[in-house]
Amino acid sequence: ARTGTAVRSRVLAGTTGRDPEPATDAALGAALLASAKDRHEHDLALRSAVDALDPACSALDVPDGPSLVRLDNVQHLGSDLVGTLQDDGGHLPRVLDLVGRLHPTAAVGGAPRGAALDHIRTYEGMGRGRYAGPVGWLTADGDGEFGIALRCAEVDGTRARLLAGAGVVAGSL
């Protein structure tokens, strides 16, 4: 998201379920925070966002580690990046400039970006279409907010194409 000179990005990578029993739910969250596999996946996604945003910022705050982001049905490892955009000769990056820097994140395109995207194009065996595309809004002055379309469906008449993914890193077995 961009609002004037402020930029923020919430990085989510590493997911587990929720449980109606509070102690079990807390244990699921604690296990996610302690998971070396999920922390590695999150670190790759965070690093890709930092590498994309840092050159556009005069300051970028990066948390020391992720926290839990709890939704109704899942909980994620999350890190919130907050920065101040750098004025490049009277020009601030617009939200679409920032989206272009970030997309695709390591969470959907892999890391390192170039090699991972080449591998996906060669071996995935399908076009991604709208999967993992940025969706959001923008204003005429360059502000706006975008997210990534994950776990989605594309409906065409009586047919639906359902799309989902998973973070695959060493330890994903």
Protein backbone atom coordinates (compact mmCIF):
# COMPACT_ATOMS: atom_id res chain seq x y z
CA ALA A 1 0.00 0.00 0.00
CA ARG A 2 1.09 3.56 -0.64
CA THR A 3 -0.32 6.66 1.05
CA GLY A 4 1.67 9.75 0.10
CA THR A 5 5.28 9.04 1.09
CA ALA A 6 4.31 6.07 3.31
CA VAL A 7 4.56 2.50 2.06
CA ARG A 8 3.59 -0.69 3.86
CA SER A 9 3.61 -4.34 2.90
CA ARG A 10 2.36 -7.31 4.89
CA VAL A 11 4.32 -10.45 4.06
CA LEU A 12 2.45 -13.69 4.75
CA ALA A 13 4.12 -17.06 4.28
CA GLY A 14 3.81 -20.13 6.45
CA THR A 15 0.30 -21.29 7.31
CA THR A 16 -1.48 -23.65 9.66
CA GLY A 17 -5.08 -24.27 10.64
CA ARG A 18 -7.15 -23.04 13.55
CA ASP A 19 -8.88 -25.05 16.26
CA PRO A 20 -11.95 -24.12 18.33
CA GLU A 21 -10.18 -25.36 21.49
CA PRO A 22 -8.02 -22.40 22.69
CA ALA A 23 -5.15 -24.54 24.00
CA THR A 24 -4.95 -26.55 20.76
CA ASP A 25 -5.20 -23.38 18.69
CA ALA A 26 -2.37 -21.80 20.68
CA ALA A 27 -0.27 -24.95 20.24
CA LEU A 28 -0.82 -24.84 16.45
CA GLY A 29 0.36 -21.22 16.40
CA ALA A 30 3.38 -21.97 18.58
CA ALA A 31 4.33 -24.91 16.34
CA LEU A 32 4.09 -22.65 13.27
CA LEU A 33 6.35 -20.04 14.89
CA ALA A 34 8.84 -22.78 15.83
CA SER A 35 8.80 -24.54 12.43
CA ALA A 36 12.17 -24.27 10.68
CA LYS A 37 10.50 -25.07 7.33
CA ASP A 38 7.82 -22.38 7.69
CA ARG A 39 10.31 -19.81 9.02
CA HIS A 40 12.56 -20.47 6.01
CA GLU A 41 9.60 -20.05 3.64
CA HIS A 42 8.65 -16.82 5.40
CA ASP A 43 12.22 -15.51 5.35
CA LEU A 44 12.42 -16.04 1.56
CA ALA A 45 9.17 -14.12 1.04
CA LEU A 46 10.25 -11.35 3.41
CA ARG A 47 13.66 -11.01 1.77
CA SER A 48 12.06 -10.70 -1.68
CA ALA A 49 9.80 -7.88 -0.42
CA VAL A 50 12.67 -6.08 1.30
CA ASP A 51 14.86 -6.38 -1.81
CA ALA A 52 12.04 -4.96 -3.94
CA LEU A 53 11.05 -2.06 -1.68
CA ASP A 54 14.34 -0.98 -0.12
CA PRO A 55 15.73 0.77 -3.25
CA ALA A 56 12.54 2.89 -3.43
CA CYS A 57 12.70 3.93 0.24
CA SER A 58 14.71 6.40 2.28
CA ALA A 59 13.81 4.28 5.33
CA LEU A 60 12.35 0.78 5.64
CA ASP A 61 11.56 -0.87 8.97
CA VAL A 62 11.92 -4.66 8.90
CA PRO A 63 10.78 -6.66 11.95
CA ASP A 64 13.23 -9.04 13.64
CA GLY A 65 10.88 -11.98 13.16
CA PRO A 66 7.34 -12.86 12.15
CA SER A 67 4.28 -12.78 14.34
CA LEU A 68 1.06 -14.75 14.03
CA VAL A 69 -1.72 -13.33 11.89
CA ARG A 70 -4.89 -15.15 12.93
CA LEU A 71 -7.88 -15.36 10.60
CA ASP A 72 -11.10 -17.30 11.16
CA ASN A 73 -9.88 -20.51 9.52
CA VAL A 74 -6.06 -20.24 9.32
CA GLN A 75 -3.12 -18.53 10.94
CA HIS A 76 -0.07 -17.27 9.06
CA LEU A 77 3.42 -16.11 9.83
CA GLY A 78 3.33 -12.39 9.08
CA SER A 79 5.80 -9.51 8.93
CA ASP A 80 4.78 -5.91 8.35
CA LEU A 81 7.22 -3.72 6.44
CA VAL A 82 6.76 0.03 6.91
CA GLY A 83 8.75 2.59 4.99
CA THR A 84 9.13 6.11 3.70
CA LEU A 85 9.39 6.47 -0.05
CA GLN A 86 12.41 8.21 -1.46
CA ASP A 87 11.72 11.31 -3.53
CA ASP A 88 13.64 10.75 -6.75
CA GLY A 89 13.97 14.26 -8.17
CA GLY A 90 10.37 15.30 -7.51
CA HIS A 91 8.97 11.88 -8.36
CA LEU A 92 7.67 9.41 -5.79
CA PRO A 93 7.03 5.83 -6.90
CA ARG A 94 3.32 5.31 -7.53
CA VAL A 95 1.55 2.27 -6.09
CA LEU A 96 1.72 0.50 -9.47
CA ASP A 97 5.50 1.08 -9.54
CA LEU A 98 5.69 -0.65 -6.17
CA VAL A 99 3.45 -3.51 -7.31
CA GLY A 100 5.74 -3.96 -10.31
CA ARG A 101 8.76 -4.19 -8.00
CA LEU A 102 7.07 -6.74 -5.72
CA HIS A 103 5.30 -9.01 -8.22
CA PRO A 104 5.77 -11.90 -8.24
CA THR A 105 6.90 -12.31 -4.65
CA ALA A 106 8.95 -15.32 -3.61
CA ALA A 107 5.75 -16.68 -2.02
CA VAL A 108 4.29 -17.27 -5.50
CA GLY A 109 7.20 -17.01 -7.93
CA GLY A 110 10.03 -18.59 -5.98
CA ALA A 111 13.55 -17.53 -5.16
CA PRO A 112 15.89 -16.63 -6.65
CA ARG A 113 13.26 -14.92 -8.81
CA GLY A 114 14.72 -15.33 -12.32
CA ALA A 115 15.73 -18.98 -12.00
CA ALA A 116 12.50 -19.89 -10.19
CA LEU A 117 10.29 -18.23 -12.81
CA ASP A 118 12.19 -19.99 -15.60
CA HIS A 119 11.65 -23.31 -13.82
CA ILE A 120 7.93 -22.62 -13.36
CA ARG A 121 7.48 -21.74 -17.04
CA THR A 122 9.31 -24.91 -18.08
CA TYR A 123 7.86 -27.47 -15.66
CA GLU A 124 4.54 -26.32 -14.22
CA GLY A 125 2.60 -27.47 -17.27
CA MET A 126 -0.15 -24.84 -17.20
CA GLY A 127 -0.74 -21.16 -17.61
CA ARG A 128 -1.41 -19.39 -14.32
CA GLY A 129 -3.94 -16.97 -15.79
CA ARG A 130 -5.15 -14.73 -13.01
CA TYR A 131 -3.66 -16.89 -10.24
CA ALA A 132 -1.32 -14.96 -7.99
CA GLY A 133 -2.01 -11.68 -9.74
CA PRO A 134 -2.16 -8.38 -7.89
CA VAL A 135 -5.67 -7.08 -7.17
CA GLY A 136 -6.55 -3.79 -5.54
CA TRP A 137 -7.32 -0.14 -6.08
CA LEU A 138 -5.48 3.07 -6.90
CA THR A 139 -6.08 6.79 -7.01
CA ALA A 140 -5.06 9.38 -9.59
CA ASP A 141 -2.30 10.70 -7.31
CA GLY A 142 -0.56 7.30 -7.08
CA ASP A 143 -1.87 6.02 -3.75
CA GLY A 144 -3.54 2.63 -3.44
CA GLU A 145 -3.47 -0.83 -1.95
CA PHE A 146 -2.96 -4.23 -3.59
CA GLY A 147 -2.90 -7.84 -2.48
CA ILE A 148 -2.16 -11.14 -4.17
CA ALA A 149 -5.06 -13.25 -5.49
CA LEU A 150 -4.38 -16.67 -3.96
CA ARG A 151 -6.66 -19.64 -3.41
CA CYS A 152 -9.11 -18.32 -5.94
CA ALA A 153 -11.43 -19.43 -8.70
CA GLU A 154 -12.11 -18.22 -12.21
CA VAL A 155 -15.70 -18.82 -13.30
CA ASP A 156 -16.61 -19.02 -16.98
CA GLY A 157 -20.25 -19.91 -17.52
CA THR A 158 -20.81 -23.35 -15.98
CA ARG A 159 -17.09 -24.05 -15.51
CA ALA A 160 -14.84 -23.00 -12.66
CA ARG A 161 -11.06 -23.25 -12.49
CA LEU A 162 -9.93 -23.50 -8.86
CA LEU A 163 -6.38 -22.44 -8.03
CA ALA A 164 -4.29 -22.85 -4.91
CA GLY A 165 -0.63 -23.19 -4.13
CA ALA A 166 1.83 -24.11 -1.45
CA GLY A 167 5.21 -22.83 -0.35
CA VAL A 168 7.66 -25.56 -1.30
CA VAL A 169 11.09 -25.33 0.32
CA ALA A 170 13.61 -27.79 1.71
CA GLY A 171 11.77 -29.61 4.47
CA SER A 172 8.38 -29.55 2.73
CA LEU A 173 8.10 -33.32 2.55
